[in-house]
Protein backbone atom coordinates (compact mmCIF):
# COMPACT_ATOMS: atom_id res chain seq x y z
CA MET A 1 -5.66 2.93 -16.16
CA ILE A 2 -4.26 1.61 -12.90
CA LEU A 3 -4.03 4.05 -10.00
CA TYR A 4 -1.82 2.76 -7.20
CA PHE A 5 -0.06 3.57 -3.96
CA SER A 6 2.82 1.55 -2.52
CA GLY A 7 4.93 1.91 0.63
CA THR A 8 7.47 -0.90 0.79
CA GLY A 9 7.01 -2.10 -2.79
CA ASN A 10 4.58 -5.04 -2.57
CA THR A 11 1.75 -3.13 -4.22
CA LYS A 12 4.01 -1.52 -6.83
CA TRP A 13 5.07 -4.98 -7.96
CA ALA A 14 1.46 -6.15 -8.21
CA ALA A 15 0.29 -3.00 -10.02
CA THR A 16 3.22 -3.13 -12.44
CA ALA A 17 2.55 -6.78 -13.22
CA LEU A 18 -1.13 -6.02 -13.87
CA SER A 19 -0.15 -3.12 -16.11
CA GLU A 20 2.09 -5.40 -18.16
CA LYS A 21 -0.57 -8.10 -18.45
CA THR A 22 -3.52 -5.83 -19.27
CA GLY A 23 -1.76 -3.11 -21.22
CA GLU A 24 -3.23 -0.41 -18.97
CA LYS A 25 -1.18 2.68 -18.09
CA LEU A 26 0.15 2.94 -14.54
CA ILE A 27 -0.20 6.04 -12.34
CA ASP A 28 1.39 6.41 -8.90
CA ILE A 29 -1.02 8.57 -6.91
CA THR A 30 1.88 10.17 -5.02
CA ASP A 31 3.07 11.58 -8.38
CA VAL A 32 -0.24 13.38 -8.91
CA ALA A 33 -0.82 14.47 -5.31
CA ASN A 34 -0.74 18.16 -6.17
CA THR A 35 -2.31 18.02 -9.61
CA ASP A 36 -5.77 17.86 -11.12
CA VAL A 37 -7.01 14.29 -10.89
CA SER A 38 -9.83 14.40 -13.40
CA TYR A 39 -9.73 11.60 -15.96
CA LYS A 40 -11.66 10.56 -19.03
CA LEU A 41 -11.40 6.88 -19.82
CA GLU A 42 -10.70 5.72 -23.36
CA GLU A 43 -13.08 3.32 -25.08
CA GLY A 44 -12.72 -0.12 -23.48
CA GLU A 45 -10.28 1.12 -20.85
CA ARG A 46 -10.40 -0.55 -17.44
CA LEU A 47 -10.12 1.37 -14.19
CA GLY A 48 -8.02 -0.31 -11.53
CA PHE A 49 -7.02 0.65 -7.99
CA CYS A 50 -4.14 -1.01 -6.15
CA PHE A 51 -3.15 -0.25 -2.57
CA PRO A 52 -1.85 -1.89 0.62
CA VAL A 53 -4.07 -2.36 3.66
CA HIS A 54 -3.20 -0.13 6.63
CA GLY A 55 -4.87 -1.09 9.89
CA TRP A 56 -7.46 -3.17 8.01
CA ARG A 57 -8.46 -0.05 6.07
CA PRO A 58 -7.42 1.66 2.84
CA PRO A 59 -4.45 3.99 3.50
CA LEU A 60 -5.40 7.57 4.33
CA ILE A 61 -3.55 8.82 1.26
CA VAL A 62 -5.77 6.63 -0.93
CA ARG A 63 -8.99 7.76 0.73
CA LYS A 64 -7.96 11.41 0.39
CA PHE A 65 -7.12 10.81 -3.26
CA ILE A 66 -10.56 9.31 -3.91
CA LYS A 67 -12.17 12.43 -2.44
CA ARG A 68 -10.35 14.50 -5.07
CA LEU A 69 -10.78 12.02 -7.92
CA SER A 70 -13.11 12.74 -10.81
CA VAL A 71 -13.74 10.17 -13.53
CA ILE A 72 -15.84 11.82 -16.19
CA ASN A 73 -17.21 8.67 -17.80
CA PRO A 74 -17.07 5.66 -15.45
CA GLU A 75 -20.24 4.04 -16.79
CA GLY A 76 -19.61 0.97 -18.90
CA HIS A 77 -15.95 0.67 -17.90
CA TYR A 78 -14.74 -2.35 -15.96
CA CYS A 79 -13.54 -1.28 -12.50
CA TYR A 80 -11.62 -3.34 -9.95
CA ALA A 81 -9.55 -3.01 -6.79
CA LEU A 82 -6.61 -5.11 -5.65
CA CYS A 83 -5.19 -4.70 -2.16
CA THR A 84 -2.07 -6.25 -0.69
CA THR A 85 -1.82 -7.40 2.90
CA GLY A 86 0.39 -9.48 5.14
CA ASP A 87 -2.54 -11.39 6.61
CA ASN A 88 -6.13 -10.33 5.86
CA VAL A 89 -8.03 -7.25 4.69
CA GLY A 90 -10.97 -7.05 7.08
CA GLU A 91 -13.51 -4.58 5.70
CA ALA A 92 -10.95 -2.56 3.74
CA ILE A 93 -12.64 -3.21 0.40
CA ASP A 94 -16.08 -2.41 1.84
CA ILE A 95 -14.75 0.94 3.06
CA PHE A 96 -13.07 1.63 -0.26
CA GLU A 97 -16.20 0.68 -2.18
CA LYS A 98 -18.28 3.17 -0.17
CA ASN A 99 -15.74 5.93 -0.86
CA LEU A 100 -15.84 5.13 -4.58
CA GLY A 101 -19.62 4.99 -4.62
CA LYS A 102 -19.77 8.64 -3.59
CA LYS A 103 -17.96 9.37 -6.84
CA GLY A 104 -20.39 7.35 -8.94
CA ILE A 105 -17.85 4.55 -9.44
CA HIS A 106 -18.75 0.94 -8.68
CA LEU A 107 -16.46 -2.06 -8.36
CA ASP A 108 -16.92 -5.02 -10.67
CA GLY A 109 -14.18 -7.05 -9.02
CA ALA A 110 -12.16 -7.01 -5.80
CA PHE A 111 -9.04 -9.02 -4.98
CA SER A 112 -6.65 -9.39 -2.05
CA LEU A 113 -3.07 -10.52 -2.44
CA ILE A 114 -1.19 -11.93 0.55
CA MET A 115 2.37 -10.58 0.53
CA PRO A 116 5.28 -10.54 3.02
CA GLU A 117 4.55 -8.62 6.21
CA SER A 118 6.09 -5.15 6.57
CA TYR A 119 4.16 -3.58 9.45
CA VAL A 120 6.27 -3.55 12.62
CA GLY A 121 4.62 -0.76 14.58
CA LEU A 122 2.99 -2.91 17.25
CA PRO A 123 4.77 -5.09 19.84
CA PHE A 124 3.33 -8.36 18.53
CA MET A 125 4.01 -7.67 14.84
CA ASP A 126 7.24 -8.35 12.93
CA VAL A 127 8.36 -9.24 9.42
CA ASP A 128 7.97 -12.81 8.22
CA THR A 129 10.70 -15.42 8.44
CA PRO A 130 12.72 -15.87 5.22
CA GLU A 131 10.94 -19.15 4.50
CA LYS A 132 7.47 -17.70 5.04
CA GLU A 133 8.41 -14.72 2.87
CA LYS A 134 9.36 -17.07 0.03
CA GLN A 135 6.13 -19.04 0.43
CA LYS A 136 4.03 -15.88 0.32
CA LYS A 137 5.81 -14.57 -2.77
CA ARG A 138 5.41 -17.90 -4.55
CA LYS A 139 1.68 -18.01 -3.78
CA ALA A 140 1.26 -14.31 -4.63
CA ALA A 141 2.76 -14.83 -8.08
CA GLU A 142 0.28 -17.66 -8.72
CA ASP A 143 -2.69 -15.68 -7.39
CA LEU A 144 -1.79 -12.60 -9.41
CA GLU A 145 -1.76 -14.64 -12.61
CA ARG A 146 -5.26 -15.82 -11.78
CA PHE A 147 -6.46 -12.32 -10.87
CA ALA A 148 -4.97 -10.84 -14.05
CA GLU A 149 -6.84 -13.37 -16.14
CA MET A 150 -10.17 -12.47 -14.51
CA ILE A 151 -9.44 -8.76 -14.90
CA THR A 152 -8.45 -9.19 -18.53
CA GLU A 153 -11.68 -11.08 -19.17
CA ARG A 154 -13.62 -8.42 -17.22
CA LYS A 155 -15.21 -10.92 -14.86
CA LYS A 156 -17.91 -9.23 -12.79
CA GLY A 157 -19.19 -9.93 -9.29
CA ILE A 158 -15.80 -11.24 -8.13
CA ARG A 159 -14.74 -10.77 -4.51
CA ASP A 160 -11.65 -12.92 -4.08
CA LEU A 161 -10.77 -11.64 -0.62
CA VAL A 162 -9.22 -12.93 2.60
CA ILE A 163 -11.25 -10.95 5.13
CA GLY A 164 -10.15 -12.74 8.32
CA ARG A 165 -12.19 -13.95 11.30
CA TRP A 166 -13.09 -10.59 12.85
CA PRO A 167 -13.42 -8.08 10.00
CA LYS A 168 -15.67 -5.66 11.90
CA ILE A 169 -13.48 -5.63 15.01
CA ASN A 170 -10.29 -5.28 12.97
CA SER A 171 -11.44 -2.57 10.57
CA ARG A 172 -13.78 -0.59 12.81
CA LEU A 173 -12.37 -0.85 16.34
CA ILE A 174 -8.67 -1.54 15.83
CA GLY A 175 -8.65 0.39 12.56
CA SER A 176 -10.06 3.44 14.31
CA CYS A 177 -7.34 3.27 16.97
CA PHE A 178 -4.73 2.76 14.26
CA VAL A 179 -5.76 5.97 12.51
CA LYS A 180 -6.06 7.95 15.73
CA TYR A 181 -2.91 6.85 17.54
CA LEU A 182 -0.53 4.95 15.26
CA ILE A 183 -0.37 6.98 12.05
CA THR A 184 2.30 9.43 13.13
CA ASP A 185 6.00 10.08 12.59
CA LYS A 186 6.59 11.25 16.16
CA PRO A 187 8.07 7.94 17.47
CA PHE A 188 10.66 7.73 14.65
CA TYR A 189 14.23 8.47 15.62
CA VAL A 190 17.73 7.75 14.32
CA ALA A 191 20.51 5.94 16.18
CA GLU A 192 23.28 8.42 15.40
CA ASP A 193 26.08 5.90 15.93
CA LYS A 194 24.60 3.70 13.17
CA CYS A 195 23.41 6.30 10.66
CA ILE A 196 25.70 6.79 7.63
CA ARG A 197 23.72 9.80 6.36
CA CYS A 198 23.03 8.14 3.01
CA GLY A 199 19.52 9.57 2.56
CA LYS A 200 17.94 6.28 1.52
CA CYS A 201 15.19 6.75 4.10
CA ALA A 202 14.23 10.12 2.60
CA GLU A 203 14.35 8.66 -0.90
CA ALA A 204 12.09 5.76 0.13
CA CYS A 205 9.43 7.88 1.87
CA PRO A 206 6.41 8.02 -0.46
CA VAL A 207 5.11 11.29 0.99
CA ASN A 208 8.42 13.20 1.31
CA ASP A 209 8.10 13.43 5.08
CA ILE A 210 11.85 13.32 5.76
CA ILE A 211 14.22 16.28 5.60
CA TRP A 212 17.70 15.29 4.46
CA SER A 213 20.67 16.83 2.68
CA LYS A 214 24.03 15.29 1.84
CA GLY A 215 25.97 14.57 5.00
CA SER A 216 23.09 15.41 7.36
CA MET A 217 21.01 13.34 9.73
CA PRO A 218 17.45 12.69 8.55
CA LYS A 219 14.63 14.47 10.34
CA TRP A 220 10.88 13.94 10.11
CA LYS A 221 8.70 16.93 9.31
CA HIS A 222 5.94 16.18 11.85
CA ASN A 223 3.43 17.84 9.53
CA GLY A 224 0.78 15.12 9.53
CA SER A 225 1.78 13.61 6.19
CA CYS A 226 3.33 10.40 7.59
CA LEU A 227 1.46 7.18 6.81
CA SER A 228 3.45 4.93 9.16
CA CYS A 229 4.18 2.68 6.19
CA PHE A 230 7.71 2.09 7.57
CA ALA A 231 9.38 2.46 4.16
CA CYS A 232 12.08 4.61 5.83
CA TYR A 233 12.70 2.02 8.53
CA HIS A 234 12.89 -0.91 6.12
CA HIS A 235 15.16 0.78 3.56
CA CYS A 236 17.81 1.89 6.08
CA PRO A 237 20.94 -0.16 5.20
CA LYS A 238 22.27 0.10 8.78
CA HIS A 239 19.00 -0.49 10.65
CA ALA A 240 19.56 2.92 12.24
CA ILE A 241 15.90 3.96 12.31
CA GLU A 242 13.62 2.93 15.16
CA TYR A 243 9.96 3.58 15.99
CA GLY A 244 10.10 4.18 19.71
CA LYS A 245 10.77 0.90 21.46
CA ARG A 246 8.39 -1.02 19.22
CA THR A 247 10.91 -1.92 16.53
CA LYS A 248 13.82 -2.96 18.72
CA ASN A 249 15.42 -6.16 17.40
CA LYS A 250 12.81 -6.53 14.66
CA GLY A 251 13.52 -7.38 11.05
CA GLN A 252 13.36 -5.37 7.85
CA TYR A 253 11.61 -6.00 4.57
CA PHE A 254 11.04 -4.25 1.27
CA PHE A 255 10.10 -5.78 -2.03
CA GLU A 256 12.88 -6.88 -4.37
CA LYS A 257 11.87 -8.22 -7.77
CA ASN A 258 14.88 -10.52 -7.96
CA ASP A 259 13.46 -12.51 -5.04
CA MET A 260 10.29 -13.45 -6.94
CA PRO A 261 10.02 -17.05 -8.15
């Protein structure tokens, strides 16, 4: 079983590829958000978790899911986590591992996959250039093949992670500020002269935080569900969505399988 969350599609691609290579069933945690999340693993079944890194931490939706998660028989089952990131993961896996440990689940392997950048919520952050995007996707495809082989063979004690130079500062200090101040839908707005009222932003939002009906302008719910994953911003075909002044003149990115090598 592979439990995953994805915002702009990088992690969905990785989780889907792992599912195809390992034969494990795939579960999007947003699809089971309001259901019982108690599972009993089949004999020999692996338990995998795939998620993007948000502010050098696991996304809040993933951490909340783990609090609700109950695996009846985790002992003796190979367990791993794979996180996607545009640069490095800091202490994201350490945080995730502690959350899992409270549920009696322990990681046998942990992997990070460098993918094209999608976070544009800070002044100094933007999407990658087309050439860098291609390079990252090419390398990611190679790395995922290697990770899938280790997972298939149930290799234990693996921590194939790019943690960066300042993991504690990034995950603890900046990550804390990220959660406190930057995970919010309040800065999002629509440039009415650009919006074509297509609803693609609402369709792309993984937590259904956008109110839209045919012919109407999208509106955010402001109910605390937003993850600031920027899926709405990146999927807008007219670049009509902005996040305050922070996204002015910045690029867009979401994963497209046809672009993979």
